[in-house]
């Protein structure tokens, strides 16, 4: 039995499962555009170029606001924002943004974590 939706800090919680935390993104965009704050879809190559231009570098351990990249065979397929020990992800044209663990089953179709990017200085 699912709990009734409740709001916490702008994120709607539907039940207690980490993959069920939801927010809405009304702009028509994909996961890469959502992270960049861009309207419209952004391709993986452009996404990586823009993150590099904005000063993102590789890190091993994620912290709040770091970018988590998912893929298969070093091919970037998805990205999310690390927040409060979880990852916020937008999937395709769906307006919902789900909060999930780094390796939750909701993300497995996109492979595994291939990189984590940060703007923090070492």
Protein backbone atom coordinates (compact mmCIF):
# COMPACT_ATOMS: atom_id res chain seq x y z
CA UNK A 1 0.00 0.00 0.00
CA UNK A 2 1.44 3.37 -1.05
CA UNK A 3 1.40 6.38 1.23
CA UNK A 4 -0.48 9.48 0.20
CA UNK A 5 1.68 12.04 -1.64
CA UNK A 6 3.29 14.60 0.64
CA UNK A 7 5.50 17.54 -0.21
CA UNK A 8 8.97 18.02 1.25
CA UNK A 9 11.12 20.94 0.09
CA UNK A 10 9.54 21.13 -3.38
CA UNK A 11 9.89 17.40 -4.02
CA UNK A 12 6.79 15.22 -3.88
CA UNK A 13 7.20 11.93 -2.05
CA UNK A 14 5.01 9.04 -3.21
CA UNK A 15 5.58 6.29 -0.71
CA UNK A 16 8.90 5.60 0.94
CA UNK A 17 10.88 3.98 -1.91
CA UNK A 18 13.82 6.15 -3.00
CA UNK A 19 12.90 5.80 -6.68
CA UNK A 20 9.43 7.21 -6.01
CA UNK A 21 10.41 10.75 -5.03
CA UNK A 22 9.12 13.00 -7.77
CA UNK A 23 9.38 16.56 -8.97
CA UNK A 24 8.01 18.00 -12.23
CA UNK A 25 9.98 19.66 -15.02
CA UNK A 26 7.56 21.53 -17.27
CA UNK A 27 10.16 22.45 -19.90
CA UNK A 28 10.33 20.06 -22.87
CA UNK A 29 13.82 18.67 -22.40
CA UNK A 30 15.77 15.45 -21.81
CA UNK A 31 18.06 14.51 -18.89
CA UNK A 32 21.00 16.50 -20.33
CA UNK A 33 18.95 19.64 -20.94
CA UNK A 34 17.39 19.36 -17.46
CA UNK A 35 20.83 19.35 -15.82
CA UNK A 36 22.04 22.29 -17.91
CA UNK A 37 18.82 24.25 -17.36
CA UNK A 38 18.20 24.32 -21.12
CA UNK A 39 14.88 24.06 -22.90
CA UNK A 40 14.86 21.47 -25.66
CA UNK A 41 16.87 18.31 -26.00
CA UNK A 42 20.65 18.33 -25.73
CA UNK A 43 22.75 15.53 -27.24
CA UNK A 44 25.40 13.70 -25.19
CA UNK A 45 28.40 15.19 -27.01
CA UNK A 46 27.17 18.78 -26.59
CA UNK A 47 26.30 18.06 -22.95
CA UNK A 48 29.85 16.91 -22.16
CA UNK A 49 31.36 19.89 -24.02
CA UNK A 50 29.21 22.34 -22.06
CA UNK A 51 30.07 20.72 -18.72
CA UNK A 52 33.78 20.99 -19.57
CA UNK A 53 33.33 24.66 -20.54
CA UNK A 54 31.58 25.25 -17.21
CA UNK A 55 34.55 23.86 -15.28
CA UNK A 56 33.41 20.34 -14.40
CA UNK A 57 36.13 17.78 -13.73
CA UNK A 58 36.16 14.09 -12.79
CA UNK A 59 35.83 13.01 -9.18
CA UNK A 60 35.51 9.64 -7.44
CA UNK A 61 33.06 10.35 -4.63
CA UNK A 62 29.92 12.37 -5.43
CA UNK A 63 28.78 15.34 -3.39
CA UNK A 64 25.71 17.56 -3.69
CA UNK A 65 25.22 19.11 -7.14
CA UNK A 66 27.76 16.79 -8.82
CA UNK A 67 26.74 15.22 -12.13
CA UNK A 68 26.46 11.42 -12.36
CA UNK A 69 26.91 9.95 -15.85
CA UNK A 70 25.46 6.55 -16.78
CA UNK A 71 26.30 4.46 -19.80
CA UNK A 72 27.32 1.21 -21.37
CA UNK A 73 30.70 0.50 -22.99
CA UNK A 74 31.82 4.10 -22.27
CA UNK A 75 28.84 5.43 -24.27
CA UNK A 76 26.96 8.15 -22.36
CA UNK A 77 23.24 7.32 -22.17
CA UNK A 78 21.91 9.23 -19.15
CA UNK A 79 22.84 11.75 -16.48
CA UNK A 80 21.48 12.89 -13.13
CA UNK A 81 22.27 15.39 -10.39
CA UNK A 82 23.53 14.07 -7.04
CA UNK A 83 21.56 15.61 -4.15
CA UNK A 84 21.27 14.58 -0.50
CA UNK A 85 22.86 11.18 -1.13
CA UNK A 86 20.54 10.38 -4.05
CA UNK A 87 20.36 11.13 -7.79
CA UNK A 88 17.68 13.31 -9.42
CA UNK A 89 16.98 12.07 -12.96
CA UNK A 90 14.67 13.18 -15.75
CA UNK A 91 13.79 10.48 -18.24
CA UNK A 92 13.03 11.41 -21.87
CA UNK A 93 9.92 13.48 -22.53
CA UNK A 94 8.32 12.50 -19.22
CA UNK A 95 7.96 15.64 -17.06
CA UNK A 96 8.66 13.73 -13.83
CA UNK A 97 12.06 13.92 -12.15
CA UNK A 98 12.73 10.85 -10.02
CA UNK A 99 15.07 10.67 -7.06
CA UNK A 100 16.85 7.32 -6.77
CA UNK A 101 20.00 5.68 -5.42
CA UNK A 102 23.13 5.60 -7.59
CA UNK A 103 22.39 2.08 -8.82
CA UNK A 104 18.63 1.67 -8.32
CA UNK A 105 16.80 -0.60 -10.78
CA UNK A 106 15.07 2.44 -12.35
CA UNK A 107 18.44 3.42 -13.83
CA UNK A 108 19.81 0.01 -14.83
CA UNK A 109 18.50 0.23 -18.39
CA UNK A 110 21.06 3.01 -18.92
CA UNK A 111 23.97 0.90 -17.73
CA UNK A 112 26.13 1.81 -14.78
CA UNK A 113 27.88 4.88 -13.43
CA UNK A 114 30.70 5.64 -15.86
CA UNK A 115 31.82 9.04 -14.51
CA UNK A 116 31.08 11.57 -11.80
CA UNK A 117 31.77 15.23 -12.53
CA UNK A 118 32.17 18.07 -10.05
CA UNK A 119 32.97 21.77 -9.97
CA UNK A 120 34.63 21.46 -6.54
CA UNK A 121 38.34 22.13 -6.34
CA UNK A 122 40.49 19.16 -5.30
